[in-house]
Amino acid sequence: MLKFKKKFLIATKYSNLLFSRRYFFLPNHKSFNAYYPETGQVVYEKHRQFCGRRMKLAEASEFIAFAEEKILKEKLSPDAVCGRVSHLPDWQHKVKACTRTLYHYIDLGILKVRNTDLPKKLRYNTKKSEHRVNIKHLGESIDNRPESIQKRRQFGHWKIDTIVGKKSREDDALLILVERKTRFTLSMKIDGEDPDSVSYALKQLKQTYGCAFKSVFKTITADNGSEFSGLMEALKDRKTKVYYTHPYSSWERVTNERHNGMIRRFIQKTPIHFEQFTNVYSAGDSYHRSFVQKDSELLHTG
């Protein structure tokens, strides 16, 4: 039977590269259906070459060169490059690549940019962390915060965090307050990452805003760091609600984490000096984030 099938294939000139399943007829006029898995694999691999979307390297070569220059020289992220280009009139009718495509090309190694040029990407940790049983709670949980605050429609709800340089007791720190709706940022240089320094900075803010403080700072959300242990005591006279996120839950402080990540592009973990602090914010003001343009109508309200 097998010899007959083989001879019949040769006689009818059917190519195994084109057909993996054919009907054959025996001398008694009965038919049978034969399948060849090896041939089927060859046919599949041949057809698979024509699947998937084609790379845009040739069509978007001008944009790729522009993105490489901005990432390597101006330290922009791929998402920031796409956000800037989407609002430039000169690029409206040119072929561009999206953020995901840029990251894909970087991973493939076909661009001048490498993953080592993207410090934020290398910070991702894929290891699972163990859950701690004994967790401290400094005050009211973020679970009790009104859901309306999460929608970012009302001005006056802030997130607070600190940034340290070399992590030494003698080193200064930055106190960062970011407003949730407008992303407006208040930054103050404090003596250190401790409750007394934070309380003193808030005292200065209260003196600056005066009676308008409670309408400008309706709520403040902080993490469970020891530097914020005196936050409720420092703000109790202004009726500003204080909420604390869950420990080891950075996704509850996305605004702070994103903003701090951009600051770290310019201030590494070294001692913070006043000149460096001034330079980073002159550079940070010109750093384009894609969501700033998308939510531009929010920046002019509140």
C-alpha atoms as a PDB file:
ATOM      1  CA  MET A   1       0.000   0.000   0.000  1.00  0.00           C
ATOM      2  CA  LEU A   2       2.750   2.509   0.936  1.00  0.00           C
ATOM      3  CA  LYS A   3       4.712   1.716  -2.216  1.00  0.00           C
ATOM      4  CA  PHE A   4       1.609   2.281  -4.287  1.00  0.00           C
ATOM      5  CA  LYS A   5       0.928   5.648  -2.643  1.00  0.00           C
ATOM      6  CA  LYS A   6       4.503   6.768  -3.231  1.00  0.00           C
ATOM      7  CA  LYS A   7       4.437   5.751  -6.895  1.00  0.00           C
ATOM      8  CA  PHE A   8       1.065   7.450  -7.335  1.00  0.00           C
ATOM      9  CA  LEU A   9       2.436  10.722  -5.980  1.00  0.00           C
ATOM     10  CA  ILE A  10       5.335  10.636  -8.396  1.00  0.00           C
ATOM     11  CA  ALA A  11       3.113   9.712 -11.294  1.00  0.00           C
ATOM     12  CA  THR A  12       0.625  12.514 -10.700  1.00  0.00           C
ATOM     13  CA  LYS A  13       3.492  15.004 -10.046  1.00  0.00           C
ATOM     14  CA  TYR A  14       1.996  16.335  -6.831  1.00  0.00           C
ATOM     15  CA  SER A  15       4.621  18.275  -4.889  1.00  0.00           C
ATOM     16  CA  ASN A  16       4.936  17.548  -1.165  1.00  0.00           C
ATOM     17  CA  LEU A  17       5.969  21.186  -0.649  1.00  0.00           C
ATOM     18  CA  LEU A  18       2.555  22.409  -1.845  1.00  0.00           C
ATOM     19  CA  PHE A  19       0.163  19.751  -0.636  1.00  0.00           C
ATOM     20  CA  SER A  20       0.034  17.988   2.714  1.00  0.00           C
ATOM     21  CA  ARG A  21      -3.386  16.334   2.285  1.00  0.00           C
ATOM     22  CA  ARG A  22      -4.665  14.770  -0.935  1.00  0.00           C
ATOM     23  CA  TYR A  23      -7.265  12.270  -2.094  1.00  0.00           C
ATOM     24  CA  PHE A  24      -5.953   9.138  -3.794  1.00  0.00           C
ATOM     25  CA  PHE A  25      -7.727   6.381  -5.732  1.00  0.00           C
ATOM     26  CA  LEU A  26      -6.933   2.681  -5.528  1.00  0.00           C
ATOM     27  CA  PRO A  27      -7.266   0.259  -8.489  1.00  0.00           C
ATOM     28  CA  ASN A  28     -10.639  -0.873  -7.116  1.00  0.00           C
ATOM     29  CA  HIS A  29     -11.873   2.745  -7.492  1.00  0.00           C
ATOM     30  CA  LYS A  30     -11.949   3.356  -3.717  1.00  0.00           C
ATOM     31  CA  SER A  31     -10.498   6.611  -2.392  1.00  0.00           C
ATOM     32  CA  PHE A  32      -8.512   7.407   0.753  1.00  0.00           C
ATOM     33  CA  ASN A  33      -7.306  10.633   2.356  1.00  0.00           C
ATOM     34  CA  ALA A  34      -3.582  10.772   3.246  1.00  0.00           C
ATOM     35  CA  TYR A  35      -1.959  13.384   5.467  1.00  0.00           C
ATOM     36  CA  TYR A  36       1.777  14.039   5.726  1.00  0.00           C
ATOM     37  CA  PRO A  37       2.703  15.978   8.918  1.00  0.00           C
ATOM     38  CA  GLU A  38       6.218  16.823   7.726  1.00  0.00           C
ATOM     39  CA  THR A  39       4.810  18.356   4.564  1.00  0.00           C
ATOM     40  CA  GLY A  40       2.172  20.207   6.576  1.00  0.00           C
ATOM     41  CA  GLN A  41       4.899  21.779   8.717  1.00  0.00           C
ATOM     42  CA  VAL A  42       6.789  22.929   5.635  1.00  0.00           C
ATOM     43  CA  VAL A  43       3.634  24.478   4.185  1.00  0.00           C
ATOM     44  CA  TYR A  44       2.881  26.215   7.515  1.00  0.00           C
ATOM     45  CA  GLU A  45       6.362  27.699   7.814  1.00  0.00           C
ATOM     46  CA  LYS A  46       6.198  28.969   4.254  1.00  0.00           C
ATOM     47  CA  HIS A  47       2.843  30.670   4.798  1.00  0.00           C
ATOM     48  CA  ARG A  48       3.943  32.014   8.200  1.00  0.00           C
ATOM     49  CA  GLN A  49       6.573  34.158   6.534  1.00  0.00           C
ATOM     50  CA  PHE A  50       3.815  36.349   5.107  1.00  0.00           C
ATOM     51  CA  CYS A  51       2.011  36.820   8.450  1.00  0.00           C
ATOM     52  CA  GLY A  52       2.331  39.721  10.869  1.00  0.00           C
ATOM     53  CA  ARG A  53       2.775  43.414  10.384  1.00  0.00           C
ATOM     54  CA  ARG A  54       5.792  44.646   8.468  1.00  0.00           C
ATOM     55  CA  MET A  55       8.418  46.737  10.240  1.00  0.00           C
ATOM     56  CA  LYS A  56       8.254  50.493   9.691  1.00  0.00           C
ATOM     57  CA  LEU A  57      11.999  51.080   9.781  1.00  0.00           C
ATOM     58  CA  ALA A  58      12.175  52.280   6.193  1.00  0.00           C
ATOM     59  CA  GLU A  59       8.920  54.259   6.171  1.00  0.00           C
ATOM     60  CA  ALA A  60       9.548  55.890   9.565  1.00  0.00           C
ATOM     61  CA  SER A  61      13.319  56.305   9.226  1.00  0.00           C
ATOM     62  CA  GLU A  62      13.103  60.063   9.854  1.00  0.00           C
ATOM     63  CA  PHE A  63      11.100  59.552  13.038  1.00  0.00           C
ATOM     64  CA  ILE A  64      13.428  56.771  14.229  1.00  0.00           C
ATOM     65  CA  ALA A  65      16.446  59.070  13.846  1.00  0.00           C
ATOM     66  CA  PHE A  66      14.583  61.846  15.683  1.00  0.00           C
ATOM     67  CA  ALA A  67      13.655  59.487  18.529  1.00  0.00           C
ATOM     68  CA  GLU A  68      17.213  58.198  18.873  1.00  0.00           C
ATOM     69  CA  GLU A  69      18.560  61.742  19.172  1.00  0.00           C
ATOM     70  CA  LYS A  70      16.005  62.782  21.799  1.00  0.00           C
ATOM     71  CA  ILE A  71      16.486  59.652  23.896  1.00  0.00           C
ATOM     72  CA  LEU A  72      20.282  59.675  23.815  1.00  0.00           C
ATOM     73  CA  LYS A  73      20.962  63.414  24.039  1.00  0.00           C
ATOM     74  CA  GLU A  74      17.975  64.877  25.914  1.00  0.00           C
ATOM     75  CA  LYS A  75      17.326  61.764  28.047  1.00  0.00           C
ATOM     76  CA  LEU A  76      13.661  61.559  27.019  1.00  0.00           C
ATOM     77  CA  SER A  77      11.762  58.310  27.312  1.00  0.00           C
ATOM     78  CA  PRO A  78      10.175  56.722  24.197  1.00  0.00           C
ATOM     79  CA  ASP A  79       6.730  57.653  25.532  1.00  0.00           C
ATOM     80  CA  ALA A  80       7.810  61.280  26.003  1.00  0.00           C
ATOM     81  CA  VAL A  81       9.129  61.393  22.419  1.00  0.00           C
ATOM     82  CA  CYS A  82       5.829  60.109  21.024  1.00  0.00           C
ATOM     83  CA  GLY A  83       3.901  62.540  23.201  1.00  0.00           C
ATOM     84  CA  ARG A  84       5.950  65.493  21.959  1.00  0.00           C
ATOM     85  CA  VAL A  85       5.759  64.508  18.289  1.00  0.00           C
ATOM     86  CA  SER A  86       1.977  64.035  18.387  1.00  0.00           C
ATOM     87  CA  HIS A  87       1.567  67.775  19.068  1.00  0.00           C
ATOM     88  CA  LEU A  88       4.156  69.136  16.624  1.00  0.00           C
ATOM     89  CA  PRO A  89       2.606  70.438  13.361  1.00  0.00           C
ATOM     90  CA  ASP A  90       5.611  69.332  11.288  1.00  0.00           C
ATOM     91  CA  TRP A  91       4.980  65.688  12.186  1.00  0.00           C
ATOM     92  CA  GLN A  92       1.226  65.517  11.587  1.00  0.00           C
ATOM     93  CA  HIS A  93       1.521  64.059   8.075  1.00  0.00           C
ATOM     94  CA  LYS A  94       4.698  62.025   8.514  1.00  0.00           C
ATOM     95  CA  VAL A  95       4.999  58.336   9.297  1.00  0.00           C
ATOM     96  CA  LYS A  96       5.598  57.760  13.021  1.00  0.00           C
ATOM     97  CA  ALA A  97       5.959  54.815  15.357  1.00  0.00           C
ATOM     98  CA  CYS A  98       4.071  54.367  18.617  1.00  0.00           C
ATOM     99  CA  THR A  99       5.624  53.923  22.051  1.00  0.00           C
ATOM    100  CA  ARG A 100       5.203  50.156  22.008  1.00  0.00           C
ATOM    101  CA  THR A 101       6.917  49.903  18.610  1.00  0.00           C
ATOM    102  CA  LEU A 102       9.905  51.926  19.829  1.00  0.00           C
ATOM    103  CA  TYR A 103      10.338  49.679  22.857  1.00  0.00           C
ATOM    104  CA  HIS A 104      10.037  46.623  20.591  1.00  0.00           C
ATOM    105  CA  TYR A 105      12.764  47.895  18.261  1.00  0.00           C
ATOM    106  CA  ILE A 106      14.996  48.655  21.262  1.00  0.00           C
ATOM    107  CA  ASP A 107      14.523  45.124  22.604  1.00  0.00           C
ATOM    108  CA  LEU A 108      15.405  43.695  19.187  1.00  0.00           C
ATOM    109  CA  GLY A 109      18.632  45.719  19.162  1.00  0.00           C
ATOM    110  CA  ILE A 110      18.023  47.365  15.791  1.00  0.00           C
ATOM    111  CA  LEU A 111      18.268  50.942  17.122  1.00  0.00           C
ATOM    112  CA  LYS A 112      21.207  52.888  18.511  1.00  0.00           C
ATOM    113  CA  VAL A 113      19.325  53.095  21.816  1.00  0.00           C
ATOM    114  CA  ARG A 114      19.865  50.239  24.261  1.00  0.00           C
ATOM    115  CA  ASN A 115      17.962  49.254  27.368  1.00  0.00           C
ATOM    116  CA  THR A 116      20.857  50.621  29.419  1.00  0.00           C
ATOM    117  CA  ASP A 117      19.931  54.062  28.058  1.00  0.00           C
ATOM    118  CA  LEU A 118      16.487  53.730  29.673  1.00  0.00           C
ATOM    119  CA  PRO A 119      17.132  53.825  33.440  1.00  0.00           C
ATOM    120  CA  LYS A 120      13.433  53.594  34.281  1.00  0.00           C
ATOM    121  CA  LYS A 121      13.027  50.332  32.393  1.00  0.00           C
ATOM    122  CA  LEU A 122      15.938  48.647  34.163  1.00  0.00           C
ATOM    123  CA  ARG A 123      14.374  49.375  37.549  1.00  0.00           C
ATOM    124  CA  TYR A 124      11.492  46.968  37.068  1.00  0.00           C
ATOM    125  CA  ASN A 125      11.675  44.046  39.467  1.00  0.00           C
ATOM    126  CA  THR A 126      10.120  40.761  38.360  1.00  0.00           C
ATOM    127  CA  LYS A 127      10.734  38.944  41.640  1.00  0.00           C
ATOM    128  CA  LYS A 128       7.817  38.335  43.973  1.00  0.00           C
ATOM    129  CA  SER A 129       8.110  39.960  47.364  1.00  0.00           C
ATOM    130  CA  GLU A 130       7.070  38.260  50.577  1.00  0.00           C
ATOM    131  CA  HIS A 131       4.128  39.673  52.502  1.00  0.00           C
ATOM    132  CA  ARG A 132       4.959  41.143  55.875  1.00  0.00           C
ATOM    133  CA  VAL A 133       2.667  40.252  58.763  1.00  0.00           C
ATOM    134  CA  ASN A 134       3.510  43.216  61.035  1.00  0.00           C
ATOM    135  CA  ILE A 135       2.831  46.404  59.101  1.00  0.00           C
ATOM    136  CA  LYS A 136       2.701  49.864  60.639  1.00  0.00           C
ATOM    137  CA  HIS A 137      -0.223  52.229  60.071  1.00  0.00           C
ATOM    138  CA  LEU A 138       0.404  55.913  60.761  1.00  0.00           C
ATOM    139  CA  GLY A 139      -3.152  57.122  60.239  1.00  0.00           C
ATOM    140  CA  GLU A 140      -6.355  56.827  58.241  1.00  0.00           C
ATOM    141  CA  SER A 141      -6.065  54.437  55.298  1.00  0.00           C
ATOM    142  CA  ILE A 142      -6.449  55.419  51.667  1.00  0.00           C
ATOM    143  CA  ASP A 143      -9.369  52.982  51.562  1.00  0.00           C
ATOM    144  CA  ASN A 144     -11.439  55.606  53.409  1.00  0.00           C
ATOM    145  CA  ARG A 145     -10.622  58.346  50.926  1.00  0.00           C
ATOM    146  CA  PRO A 146     -13.691  59.430  48.861  1.00  0.00           C
ATOM    147  CA  GLU A 147     -13.898  57.876  45.410  1.00  0.00           C
ATOM    148  CA  SER A 148     -14.438  61.325  43.857  1.00  0.00           C
ATOM    149  CA  ILE A 149     -10.790  62.151  44.588  1.00  0.00           C
ATOM    150  CA  GLN A 150      -9.671  59.248  42.428  1.00  0.00           C
ATOM    151  CA  LYS A 151     -11.352  60.804  39.368  1.00  0.00           C
ATOM    152  CA  ARG A 152      -9.055  63.896  39.461  1.00  0.00           C
ATOM    153  CA  ARG A 153     -11.915  66.334  38.820  1.00  0.00           C
ATOM    154  CA  GLN A 154     -11.533  68.565  41.873  1.00  0.00           C
ATOM    155  CA  PHE A 155      -8.595  70.774  42.724  1.00  0.00           C
ATOM    156  CA  GLY A 156      -6.977  70.586  46.156  1.00  0.00           C
ATOM    157  CA  HIS A 157      -6.027  66.941  46.612  1.00  0.00           C
ATOM    158  CA  TRP A 158      -2.266  66.429  46.941  1.00  0.00           C
ATOM    159  CA  LYS A 159       0.252  63.630  47.227  1.00  0.00           C
ATOM    160  CA  ILE A 160       3.418  64.122  49.238  1.00  0.00           C
ATOM    161  CA  ASP A 161       6.775  62.366  49.080  1.00  0.00           C
ATOM    162  CA  THR A 162      10.465  62.950  49.694  1.00  0.00           C
ATOM    163  CA  ILE A 163      13.575  62.407  47.599  1.00  0.00           C
ATOM    164  CA  VAL A 164      16.966  61.903  49.201  1.00  0.00           C
ATOM    165  CA  GLY A 165      20.394  61.986  47.641  1.00  0.00           C
ATOM    166  CA  LYS A 166      23.110  59.876  49.224  1.00  0.00           C
ATOM    167  CA  LYS A 167      20.850  58.571  52.030  1.00  0.00           C
ATOM    168  CA  SER A 168      22.975  59.917  54.842  1.00  0.00           C
ATOM    169  CA  ARG A 169      21.937  61.878  57.905  1.00  0.00           C
ATOM    170  CA  GLU A 170      23.930  64.912  56.839  1.00  0.00           C
ATOM    171  CA  ASP A 171      22.402  65.027  53.352  1.00  0.00           C
ATOM    172  CA  ASP A 172      19.529  67.359  52.429  1.00  0.00           C
ATOM    173  CA  ALA A 173      16.283  66.123  50.872  1.00  0.00           C
ATOM    174  CA  LEU A 174      13.493  67.353  48.623  1.00  0.00           C
ATOM    175  CA  LEU A 175       9.884  67.522  49.779  1.00  0.00           C
ATOM    176  CA  ILE A 176       7.597  67.033  46.781  1.00  0.00           C
ATOM    177  CA  LEU A 177       3.855  67.815  46.734  1.00  0.00           C
ATOM    178  CA  VAL A 178       1.950  67.035  43.529  1.00  0.00           C
ATOM    179  CA  GLU A 179      -1.656  68.138  42.964  1.00  0.00           C
ATOM    180  CA  ARG A 180      -3.698  65.285  41.506  1.00  0.00           C
ATOM    181  CA  LYS A 181      -5.855  67.198  39.023  1.00  0.00           C
ATOM    182  CA  THR A 182      -3.405  69.672  37.480  1.00  0.00           C
ATOM    183  CA  ARG A 183      -0.115  67.871  38.336  1.00  0.00           C
ATOM    184  CA  PHE A 184       1.056  71.223  39.707  1.00  0.00           C
ATOM    185  CA  THR A 185       4.142  70.578  41.836  1.00  0.00           C
ATOM    186  CA  LEU A 186       5.489  72.251  44.952  1.00  0.00           C
ATOM    187  CA  SER A 187       9.092  71.379  45.802  1.00  0.00           C
ATOM    188  CA  MET A 188      10.991  72.435  48.892  1.00  0.00           C
ATOM    189  CA  LYS A 189      14.497  71.669  50.022  1.00  0.00           C
ATOM    190  CA  ILE A 190      14.464  70.389  53.619  1.00  0.00           C
ATOM    191  CA  ASP A 191      17.244  69.571  56.054  1.00  0.00           C
ATOM    192  CA  GLY A 192      16.644  65.835  56.040  1.00  0.00           C
ATOM    193  CA  GLU A 193      14.203  62.966  55.740  1.00  0.00           C
ATOM    194  CA  ASP A 194      12.720  63.217  59.228  1.00  0.00           C
ATOM    195  CA  PRO A 195       9.396  64.334  60.824  1.00  0.00           C
ATOM    196  CA  ASP A 196      10.790  67.627  62.141  1.00  0.00           C
ATOM    197  CA  SER A 197      11.997  68.753  58.717  1.00  0.00           C
ATOM    198  CA  VAL A 198       8.670  67.870  57.087  1.00  0.00           C
ATOM    199  CA  SER A 199       6.705  69.656  59.814  1.00  0.00           C
ATOM    200  CA  TYR A 200       8.854  72.771  59.439  1.00  0.00           C
ATOM    201  CA  ALA A 201       8.271  72.809  55.660  1.00  0.00           C
ATOM    202  CA  LEU A 202       4.508  72.502  56.154  1.00  0.00           C
ATOM    203  CA  LYS A 203       4.649  75.343  58.676  1.00  0.00           C
ATOM    204  CA  GLN A 204       6.238  77.525  56.001  1.00  0.00           C
ATOM    205  CA  LEU A 205       3.488  76.555  53.558  1.00  0.00           C
ATOM    206  CA  LYS A 206       0.814  77.506  56.077  1.00  0.00           C
ATOM    207  CA  GLN A 207       2.405  80.899  56.519  1.00  0.00           C
ATOM    208  CA  THR A 208       2.617  81.385  52.750  1.00  0.00           C
ATOM    209  CA  TYR A 209      -1.011  80.494  51.958  1.00  0.00           C
ATOM    210  CA  GLY A 210      -2.552  81.829  55.148  1.00  0.00           C
ATOM    211  CA  CYS A 211      -6.346  81.492  55.295  1.00  0.00           C
ATOM    212  CA  ALA A 212      -6.423  79.952  51.803  1.00  0.00           C
ATOM    213  CA  PHE A 213      -4.452  76.922  52.965  1.00  0.00           C
ATOM    214  CA  LYS A 214      -7.462  74.716  53.771  1.00  0.00           C
ATOM    215  CA  SER A 215      -9.071  75.438  50.370  1.00  0.00           C
ATOM    216  CA  VAL A 216      -5.842  74.789  48.475  1.00  0.00           C
ATOM    217  CA  PHE A 217      -4.829  71.703  50.494  1.00  0.00           C
ATOM    218  CA  LYS A 218      -8.071  69.801  51.069  1.00  0.00           C
ATOM    219  CA  THR A 219      -6.434  66.388  51.407  1.00  0.00           C
ATOM    220  CA  ILE A 220      -2.866  65.083  51.421  1.00  0.00           C
ATOM    221  CA  THR A 221      -1.970  61.453  50.743  1.00  0.00           C
ATOM    222  CA  ALA A 222       1.357  60.089  51.981  1.00  0.00           C
ATOM    223  CA  ASP A 223       3.109  56.760  52.343  1.00  0.00           C
ATOM    224  CA  ASN A 224       3.965  55.109  55.659  1.00  0.00           C
ATOM    225  CA  GLY A 225       7.473  56.528  55.866  1.00  0.00           C
ATOM    226  CA  SER A 226       8.597  57.661  59.296  1.00  0.00           C
ATOM    227  CA  GLU A 227       9.134  61.200  58.000  1.00  0.00           C
ATOM    228  CA  PHE A 228       5.340  61.558  57.683  1.00  0.00           C
ATOM    229  CA  SER A 229       4.522  60.290  61.177  1.00  0.00           C
ATOM    230  CA  GLY A 230       3.810  63.852  62.354  1.00  0.00           C
ATOM    231  CA  LEU A 231       1.788  64.873  59.320  1.00  0.00           C
ATOM    232  CA  MET A 232      -1.621  64.732  61.000  1.00  0.00           C
ATOM    233  CA  GLU A 233      -0.377  66.675  64.018  1.00  0.00           C
ATOM    234  CA  ALA A 234       1.105  69.391  61.799  1.00  0.00           C
ATOM    235  CA  LEU A 235      -2.126  69.879  59.812  1.00  0.00           C
ATOM    236  CA  LYS A 236      -4.815  69.380  62.451  1.00  0.00           C
ATOM    237  CA  ASP A 237      -5.296  73.149  62.933  1.00  0.00           C
ATOM    238  CA  ARG A 238      -6.124  73.619  59.206  1.00  0.00           C
ATOM    239  CA  LYS A 239      -8.650  70.751  58.904  1.00  0.00           C
ATOM    240  CA  THR A 240      -6.696  69.138  56.061  1.00  0.00           C
ATOM    241  CA  LYS A 241      -7.501  65.430  55.803  1.00  0.00           C
ATOM    242  CA  VAL A 242      -4.479  63.113  55.734  1.00  0.00           C
ATOM    243  CA  TYR A 243      -4.575  59.627  54.210  1.00  0.00           C
ATOM    244  CA  TYR A 244      -1.874  56.959  54.126  1.00  0.00           C
ATOM    245  CA  THR A 245      -1.339  54.384  51.392  1.00  0.00           C
ATOM    246  CA  HIS A 246      -0.780  50.715  52.057  1.00  0.00           C
ATOM    247  CA  PRO A 247       2.827  49.661  52.686  1.00  0.00           C
ATOM    248  CA  TYR A 248       4.655  48.288  49.647  1.00  0.00           C
ATOM    249  CA  SER A 249       1.902  49.553  47.308  1.00  0.00           C
ATOM    250  CA  SER A 250       3.628  51.988  44.981  1.00  0.00           C
ATOM    251  CA  TRP A 251       0.758  51.710  42.465  1.00  0.00           C
ATOM    252  CA  GLU A 252      -1.330  53.795  44.893  1.00  0.00           C
ATOM    253  CA  ARG A 253       1.127  56.694  44.438  1.00  0.00           C
ATOM    254  CA  VAL A 254       1.519  56.656  40.657  1.00  0.00           C
ATOM    255  CA  THR A 255       1.676  60.447  40.346  1.00  0.00           C
ATOM    256  CA  ASN A 256       4.503  60.709  42.874  1.00  0.00           C
ATOM    257  CA  GLU A 257       6.401  57.746  41.473  1.00  0.00           C
ATOM    258  CA  ARG A 258       6.221  59.087  37.932  1.00  0.00           C
ATOM    259  CA  HIS A 259       7.317  62.570  38.947  1.00  0.00           C
ATOM    260  CA  ASN A 260      10.129  61.285  41.164  1.00  0.00           C
ATOM    261  CA  GLY A 261      11.352  59.086  38.331  1.00  0.00           C
ATOM    262  CA  MET A 262      11.799  62.129  36.105  1.00  0.00           C
ATOM    263  CA  ILE A 263      13.674  63.970  38.844  1.00  0.00           C
ATOM    264  CA  ARG A 264      16.010  60.978  39.254  1.00  0.00           C
ATOM    265  CA  ARG A 265      17.055  61.420  35.632  1.00  0.00           C
ATOM    266  CA  PHE A 266      18.899  64.548  36.734  1.00  0.00           C
ATOM    267  CA  ILE A 267      19.559  63.979  40.447  1.00  0.00           C
ATOM    268  CA  GLN A 268      21.218  60.636  41.049  1.00  0.00           C
ATOM    269  CA  LYS A 269      21.748  59.165  44.505  1.00  0.00           C
ATOM    270  CA  THR A 270      24.427  61.687  45.425  1.00  0.00           C
ATOM    271  CA  PRO A 271      24.393  64.610  47.875  1.00  0.00           C
ATOM    272  CA  ILE A 272      21.835  67.234  46.840  1.00  0.00           C
ATOM    273  CA  HIS A 273      23.142  70.773  46.426  1.00  0.00           C
ATOM    274  CA  PHE A 274      21.097  73.916  45.884  1.00  0.00           C
ATOM    275  CA  GLU A 275      22.589  74.551  42.437  1.00  0.00           C
ATOM    276  CA  GLN A 276      21.688  71.042  41.335  1.00  0.00           C
ATOM    277  CA  PHE A 277      18.163  71.474  42.673  1.00  0.00           C
ATOM    278  CA  THR A 278      17.721  74.661  40.620  1.00  0.00           C
ATOM    279  CA  ASN A 279      19.056  73.044  37.448  1.00  0.00           C
ATOM    280  CA  VAL A 280      16.863  69.988  37.682  1.00  0.00           C
ATOM    281  CA  TYR A 281      13.698  72.035  37.832  1.00  0.00           C
ATOM    282  CA  SER A 282      14.696  74.250  34.934  1.00  0.00           C
ATOM    283  CA  ALA A 283      15.223  71.026  32.988  1.00  0.00           C
ATOM    284  CA  GLY A 284      12.166  69.349  34.456  1.00  0.00           C
ATOM    285  CA  ASP A 285       9.917  72.206  33.340  1.00  0.00           C
ATOM    286  CA  SER A 286      10.936  71.579  29.720  1.00  0.00           C
ATOM    287  CA  TYR A 287      10.570  67.812  29.979  1.00  0.00           C
ATOM    288  CA  HIS A 288       7.530  66.834  27.945  1.00  0.00           C
ATOM    289  CA  ARG A 289       5.185  64.197  29.276  1.00  0.00           C
ATOM    290  CA  SER A 290       2.568  62.788  26.930  1.00  0.00           C
ATOM    291  CA  PHE A 291      -0.309  63.188  29.398  1.00  0.00           C
ATOM    292  CA  VAL A 292       0.432  66.899  29.945  1.00  0.00           C
ATOM    293  CA  GLN A 293      -0.662  67.711  26.410  1.00  0.00           C
ATOM    294  CA  LYS A 294      -3.606  65.317  26.550  1.00  0.00           C
ATOM    295  CA  ASP A 295      -4.919  66.901  29.762  1.00  0.00           C
ATOM    296  CA  SER A 296      -3.982  70.460  28.822  1.00  0.00           C
ATOM    297  CA  GLU A 297      -7.476  71.668  29.584  1.00  0.00           C
ATOM    298  CA  LEU A 298      -6.925  70.722  33.233  1.00  0.00           C
ATOM    299  CA  LEU A 299      -3.762  72.756  33.544  1.00  0.00           C
ATOM    300  CA  HIS A 300      -5.645  76.017  33.164  1.00  0.00           C
ATOM    301  CA  THR A 301      -8.334  75.318  35.768  1.00  0.00           C
ATOM    302  CA  GLY A 302      -8.400  75.111  39.552  1.00  0.00           C
END
